[in-house]
Protein backbone atom coordinates (compact mmCIF):
# COMPACT_ATOMS: atom_id res chain seq x y z
CA MET A 1 0.00 -0.14 0.04
CA ALA A 2 3.00 2.77 1.22
CA ARG A 3 4.82 1.73 -2.16
CA ALA A 4 1.37 2.30 -4.36
CA PHE A 5 1.12 5.54 -2.81
CA LEU A 6 4.82 6.42 -3.44
CA GLY A 7 4.27 5.78 -6.93
CA VAL A 8 1.24 7.63 -7.66
CA ILE A 9 3.51 10.72 -6.17
CA VAL A 10 6.39 10.13 -7.59
CA GLY A 11 4.76 9.53 -11.01
CA TYR A 12 2.72 12.91 -10.23
CA ALA A 13 5.73 14.95 -9.66
CA ILE A 14 7.75 13.71 -12.48
CA PHE A 15 4.14 14.75 -14.57
CA THR A 16 3.57 18.21 -13.25
CA LEU A 17 7.25 19.34 -12.80
CA SER A 18 8.84 18.13 -16.27
CA SER A 19 5.88 20.03 -17.74
CA ALA A 20 6.61 23.01 -15.74
CA LEU A 21 9.97 22.99 -16.64
CA LEU A 22 9.24 22.24 -20.26
CA PHE A 23 6.30 25.46 -20.54
CA ARG A 24 8.55 27.63 -18.24
CA SER A 25 11.88 27.21 -20.23
CA LEU A 26 10.97 26.72 -23.26
CA ARG A 27 7.48 28.07 -23.65
CA PRO A 28 6.90 25.73 -27.16
CA SER A 29 3.64 25.51 -29.52
CA PRO A 30 0.05 24.06 -28.44
CA VAL A 31 0.87 21.10 -29.67
CA VAL A 32 4.54 19.90 -28.82
CA GLY A 33 2.89 21.31 -25.15
CA ILE A 34 0.42 18.69 -25.43
CA LEU A 35 2.70 15.19 -27.16
CA CYS A 36 5.19 16.48 -24.62
CA GLY A 37 2.66 16.04 -21.77
CA ILE A 38 1.33 12.80 -22.93
CA ALA A 39 5.04 11.50 -23.07
CA PHE A 40 4.96 12.86 -19.30
CA ALA A 41 2.28 11.03 -18.31
CA ALA A 42 3.30 7.88 -19.88
CA ILE A 43 6.49 8.14 -18.05
CA GLY A 44 5.00 8.97 -14.75
CA GLY A 45 2.39 5.84 -15.09
CA ALA A 46 5.84 3.69 -15.81
CA ALA A 47 7.40 5.15 -12.93
CA ALA A 48 3.93 4.94 -10.43
CA ALA A 49 3.68 1.32 -11.44
CA LEU A 50 7.56 0.41 -11.19
CA ILE A 51 7.58 2.06 -7.73
CA GLY A 52 3.93 0.35 -7.01
CA GLY A 53 4.78 -2.97 -6.93
CA VAL A 54 2.25 -5.99 -7.52
CA LYS A 55 -0.32 -3.26 -7.07
CA GLY A 56 1.76 -1.33 -9.86
CA GLY A 57 -1.48 -1.57 -12.55
CA ALA A 58 -3.67 0.38 -9.25
CA ALA A 59 -0.69 2.77 -8.95
CA SER A 60 -0.88 3.97 -12.97
CA LEU A 61 -4.60 4.50 -13.13
CA THR A 62 -4.48 6.46 -9.77
CA LEU A 63 -1.99 8.66 -11.03
CA GLY A 64 -4.58 9.06 -14.34
CA VAL A 65 -7.39 9.61 -12.14
CA ALA A 66 -5.38 12.32 -10.11
CA ILE A 67 -4.43 13.96 -13.84
CA ALA A 68 -8.40 13.99 -14.37
CA ILE A 69 -9.14 15.45 -11.18
CA GLY A 70 -6.84 18.01 -11.89
CA ALA A 71 -7.96 19.00 -15.08
CA LEU A 72 -11.62 19.46 -13.83
CA LEU A 73 -11.06 21.18 -10.96
CA SER A 74 -8.95 23.46 -13.12
CA ILE A 75 -12.23 23.72 -15.77
CA ILE A 76 -14.67 24.22 -12.62
CA VAL A 77 -12.51 27.26 -10.76
CA GLY A 78 -10.05 28.09 -13.74
CA PRO A 79 -10.82 32.06 -14.53
CA ARG A 80 -14.04 32.28 -17.50
CA GLY A 81 -12.89 32.80 -20.78
CA SER A 82 -9.36 31.90 -20.57
CA ALA A 83 -8.12 28.81 -23.22
CA LEU A 84 -9.95 25.38 -22.25
CA TRP A 85 -7.38 23.30 -24.55
CA PRO A 86 -4.74 22.57 -21.78
CA GLN A 87 -7.62 21.39 -19.40
CA LEU A 88 -9.22 18.97 -21.66
CA ALA A 89 -5.82 17.66 -23.01
CA ALA A 90 -4.80 16.49 -19.93
CA LEU A 91 -7.72 14.94 -19.38
CA LEU A 92 -8.17 13.32 -22.76
CA LEU A 93 -5.12 12.49 -23.34
CA MET A 94 -2.37 12.82 -20.76
CA ALA A 95 -4.39 10.75 -18.08
CA PRO A 96 -5.20 7.63 -20.04
CA ALA A 97 -1.48 8.53 -21.04
CA ALA A 98 -0.56 7.55 -17.77
CA VAL A 99 -2.65 4.52 -17.40
CA ALA A 100 -1.22 3.82 -20.55
CA GLY A 101 2.58 3.87 -19.45
CA GLY A 102 1.87 1.60 -16.58
CA ARG A 103 0.18 -1.21 -18.51
CA MET A 104 3.52 -0.73 -21.02
CA LEU A 105 5.52 -2.57 -18.80
CA PRO A 106 6.08 -6.24 -18.81
CA ARG A 107 4.14 -8.08 -15.98
CA ARG A 108 6.11 -9.48 -12.67
CA ARG A 109 5.01 -12.26 -10.86
């Protein structure tokens, strides 16, 4: 249980810190930002699954849910009139990528 929790925390840190560094340093185009966000989410999901051990699939699924909840909260409480594409990309592309990242690893016994 503790390993799965730690996996989710590390996976979320990988996703958020990598995305923040990318946007603060390079200011990429929206398409590049989305593609990198998908890759960071998948890497975070894989890290969550690796650290999560036996419950690795649950850790990457929990990470995907956390990303989706963050995107939904940002849509709900975010400033009105602002662009919604980053939140929609996180909800529809990056959250599933985190789950897929955990499932791409070979099964361990």
